[in-house]
Amino acid sequence: MMNVMNAWGLLGICIAAEVVATTLLTKSDGFNRPLYGIMAIVLFAGCFFALSHVLTRIPVGVAQFAQRIGMKAGGAGEAGPAHLAGRDDGAEAIDQKGAHAAAVSH
C-alpha cells in the first residue's frame, strides 16, 4: 500500500524521468537515431505506469501542476518542442514564443 509521502517521492521520480525522456526524444533526431527514441518511449511508458499509482493518493490537479513545474525547472518544457520544430536553440525559441504571445495579446 502506498502512502502519501511515497506518492510524492514517486511523482518526483516521474518528473525527473520525463525530463530525461524529453531530452532523449530530442536527441533521437526525428527517430533517425532509434536507440534514443526507444529509450524515451520506455521512460514515458514507465512514467505513465508510475503516475497511475501516484494518482491513487494525490489529486490529479496537484500532480499535474507539480509535473508541469518540474518539467519547466528541468528545461524540457520549452527546449524539447523548440528542437522538434527545427530550432536548435531552445532559448531563441522561448524568446520567439514570448514575442508571439505579446503580439497576440495586444
C-alpha atoms as a PDB file:
ATOM      1  CA  MET A   1       0.000   0.000   0.000  1.00  0.00           C
ATOM      2  CA  MET A   2       1.372   3.386  -0.993  1.00  0.00           C
ATOM      3  CA  ASN A   3       1.144   6.256   1.473  1.00  0.00           C
ATOM      4  CA  VAL A   4       1.106   9.940   0.533  1.00  0.00           C
ATOM      5  CA  MET A   5       4.827  10.516   1.173  1.00  0.00           C
ATOM      6  CA  ASN A   6       5.762   7.614  -1.104  1.00  0.00           C
ATOM      7  CA  ALA A   7       3.417   9.011  -3.750  1.00  0.00           C
ATOM      8  CA  TRP A   8       5.193  12.380  -3.665  1.00  0.00           C
ATOM      9  CA  GLY A   9       8.565  10.647  -3.986  1.00  0.00           C
ATOM     10  CA  LEU A  10       7.328   8.592  -6.922  1.00  0.00           C
ATOM     11  CA  LEU A  11       5.933  11.757  -8.523  1.00  0.00           C
ATOM     12  CA  GLY A  12       9.380  13.349  -8.211  1.00  0.00           C
ATOM     13  CA  ILE A  13      10.938  10.343  -9.917  1.00  0.00           C
ATOM     14  CA  CYS A  14       8.306  10.566 -12.681  1.00  0.00           C
ATOM     15  CA  ILE A  15       9.129  14.225 -13.254  1.00  0.00           C
ATOM     16  CA  ALA A  16      12.864  13.528 -13.481  1.00  0.00           C
ATOM     17  CA  ALA A  17      12.245  10.591 -15.830  1.00  0.00           C
ATOM     18  CA  GLU A  18      10.057  12.750 -18.080  1.00  0.00           C
ATOM     19  CA  VAL A  19      12.780  15.399 -18.311  1.00  0.00           C
ATOM     20  CA  VAL A  20      15.291  12.701 -19.295  1.00  0.00           C
ATOM     21  CA  ALA A  21      12.826  11.146 -21.771  1.00  0.00           C
ATOM     22  CA  THR A  22      12.136  14.504 -23.409  1.00  0.00           C
ATOM     23  CA  THR A  23      15.865  15.119 -23.734  1.00  0.00           C
ATOM     24  CA  LEU A  24      16.340  11.663 -25.259  1.00  0.00           C
ATOM     25  CA  LEU A  25      13.489  12.329 -27.661  1.00  0.00           C
ATOM     26  CA  THR A  26      15.214  15.460 -28.941  1.00  0.00           C
ATOM     27  CA  LYS A  27      18.488  13.541 -29.275  1.00  0.00           C
ATOM     28  CA  SER A  28      16.733  10.922 -31.410  1.00  0.00           C
ATOM     29  CA  ASP A  29      16.753  13.476 -34.258  1.00  0.00           C
ATOM     30  CA  GLY A  30      13.293  12.595 -35.512  1.00  0.00           C
ATOM     31  CA  PHE A  31      13.913   8.886 -34.777  1.00  0.00           C
ATOM     32  CA  ASN A  32      16.938   8.881 -37.096  1.00  0.00           C
ATOM     33  CA  ARG A  33      18.778   7.526 -34.039  1.00  0.00           C
ATOM     34  CA  PRO A  34      16.279   4.899 -32.898  1.00  0.00           C
ATOM     35  CA  LEU A  35      18.043   3.896 -29.667  1.00  0.00           C
ATOM     36  CA  TYR A  36      17.346   7.321 -28.144  1.00  0.00           C
ATOM     37  CA  GLY A  37      13.746   7.176 -29.327  1.00  0.00           C
ATOM     38  CA  ILE A  38      13.195   3.706 -27.907  1.00  0.00           C
ATOM     39  CA  MET A  39      14.693   4.710 -24.556  1.00  0.00           C
ATOM     40  CA  ALA A  40      12.397   7.767 -24.491  1.00  0.00           C
ATOM     41  CA  ILE A  41       9.326   5.646 -25.222  1.00  0.00           C
ATOM     42  CA  VAL A  42      10.259   3.174 -22.462  1.00  0.00           C
ATOM     43  CA  LEU A  43      10.752   6.017 -19.970  1.00  0.00           C
ATOM     44  CA  PHE A  44       7.449   7.663 -20.930  1.00  0.00           C
ATOM     45  CA  ALA A  45       5.639   4.316 -20.568  1.00  0.00           C
ATOM     46  CA  GLY A  46       7.206   3.814 -17.135  1.00  0.00           C
ATOM     47  CA  CYS A  47       6.146   7.316 -16.138  1.00  0.00           C
ATOM     48  CA  PHE A  48       2.537   6.670 -17.127  1.00  0.00           C
ATOM     49  CA  PHE A  49       2.524   3.413 -15.171  1.00  0.00           C
ATOM     50  CA  ALA A  50       4.022   5.052 -12.070  1.00  0.00           C
ATOM     51  CA  LEU A  51       1.729   8.055 -12.405  1.00  0.00           C
ATOM     52  CA  SER A  52      -1.287   5.755 -12.379  1.00  0.00           C
ATOM     53  CA  HIS A  53      -0.230   4.684  -8.888  1.00  0.00           C
ATOM     54  CA  VAL A  54       0.570   8.235  -7.775  1.00  0.00           C
ATOM     55  CA  LEU A  55      -2.918   9.403  -8.708  1.00  0.00           C
ATOM     56  CA  THR A  56      -4.454   6.987  -6.215  1.00  0.00           C
ATOM     57  CA  ARG A  57      -3.053   9.197  -3.413  1.00  0.00           C
ATOM     58  CA  ILE A  58      -2.583  12.701  -4.865  1.00  0.00           C
ATOM     59  CA  PRO A  59      -5.348  14.693  -6.593  1.00  0.00           C
ATOM     60  CA  VAL A  60      -4.954  14.972 -10.377  1.00  0.00           C
ATOM     61  CA  GLY A  61      -4.763  18.776 -10.402  1.00  0.00           C
ATOM     62  CA  VAL A  62      -1.996  18.885  -7.801  1.00  0.00           C
ATOM     63  CA  ALA A  63       0.005  16.144  -9.544  1.00  0.00           C
ATOM     64  CA  GLN A  64      -0.363  17.825 -12.939  1.00  0.00           C
ATOM     65  CA  PHE A  65       0.766  21.182 -11.535  1.00  0.00           C
ATOM     66  CA  ALA A  66       3.803  19.579  -9.853  1.00  0.00           C
ATOM     67  CA  GLN A  67       4.678  17.745 -13.047  1.00  0.00           C
ATOM     68  CA  ARG A  68       4.470  20.898 -15.204  1.00  0.00           C
ATOM     69  CA  ILE A  69       6.587  22.889 -12.765  1.00  0.00           C
ATOM     70  CA  GLY A  70       9.132  20.055 -12.697  1.00  0.00           C
ATOM     71  CA  MET A  71       9.302  19.915 -16.484  1.00  0.00           C
ATOM     72  CA  LYS A  72       9.847  23.682 -16.693  1.00  0.00           C
ATOM     73  CA  ALA A  73      12.515  23.548 -13.972  1.00  0.00           C
ATOM     74  CA  GLY A  74      14.260  20.725 -15.810  1.00  0.00           C
ATOM     75  CA  GLY A  75      14.358  22.784 -19.007  1.00  0.00           C
ATOM     76  CA  ALA A  76      12.449  20.254 -21.063  1.00  0.00           C
ATOM     77  CA  GLY A  77       9.223  22.236 -21.147  1.00  0.00           C
ATOM     78  CA  GLU A  78      10.342  24.640 -23.868  1.00  0.00           C
ATOM     79  CA  ALA A  79      13.580  23.321 -25.343  1.00  0.00           C
ATOM     80  CA  GLY A  80      12.077  19.978 -26.423  1.00  0.00           C
ATOM     81  CA  PRO A  81       9.252  21.388 -28.562  1.00  0.00           C
ATOM     82  CA  ALA A  82      11.641  24.040 -29.919  1.00  0.00           C
ATOM     83  CA  HIS A  83      14.041  21.365 -31.092  1.00  0.00           C
ATOM     84  CA  LEU A  84      11.263  19.286 -32.605  1.00  0.00           C
ATOM     85  CA  ALA A  85      10.106  22.364 -34.516  1.00  0.00           C
ATOM     86  CA  GLY A  86      13.504  22.541 -36.202  1.00  0.00           C
ATOM     87  CA  ARG A  87      15.167  25.136 -33.989  1.00  0.00           C
ATOM     88  CA  ASP A  88      18.341  24.061 -32.232  1.00  0.00           C
ATOM     89  CA  ASP A  89      18.434  26.971 -29.803  1.00  0.00           C
ATOM     90  CA  GLY A  90      15.775  26.496 -27.120  1.00  0.00           C
ATOM     91  CA  ALA A  91      16.357  29.977 -25.660  1.00  0.00           C
ATOM     92  CA  GLU A  92      15.748  31.568 -29.054  1.00  0.00           C
ATOM     93  CA  ALA A  93      12.511  29.613 -29.408  1.00  0.00           C
ATOM     94  CA  ILE A  94      11.379  30.731 -25.953  1.00  0.00           C
ATOM     95  CA  ASP A  95      12.077  34.358 -26.871  1.00  0.00           C
ATOM     96  CA  GLN A  96      10.149  33.976 -30.113  1.00  0.00           C
ATOM     97  CA  LYS A  97       7.251  32.341 -28.292  1.00  0.00           C
ATOM     98  CA  GLY A  98       7.188  35.194 -25.775  1.00  0.00           C
ATOM     99  CA  ALA A  99       7.270  37.782 -28.560  1.00  0.00           C
ATOM    100  CA  HIS A 100       4.436  35.987 -30.350  1.00  0.00           C
ATOM    101  CA  ALA A 101       2.353  35.859 -27.169  1.00  0.00           C
ATOM    102  CA  ALA A 102       2.931  39.585 -26.598  1.00  0.00           C
ATOM    103  CA  ALA A 103       1.945  40.389 -30.181  1.00  0.00           C
ATOM    104  CA  VAL A 104      -1.209  38.310 -29.965  1.00  0.00           C
ATOM    105  CA  SER A 105      -2.308  39.826 -26.648  1.00  0.00           C
ATOM    106  CA  HIS A 106      -2.082  43.419 -27.915  1.00  0.00           C
END
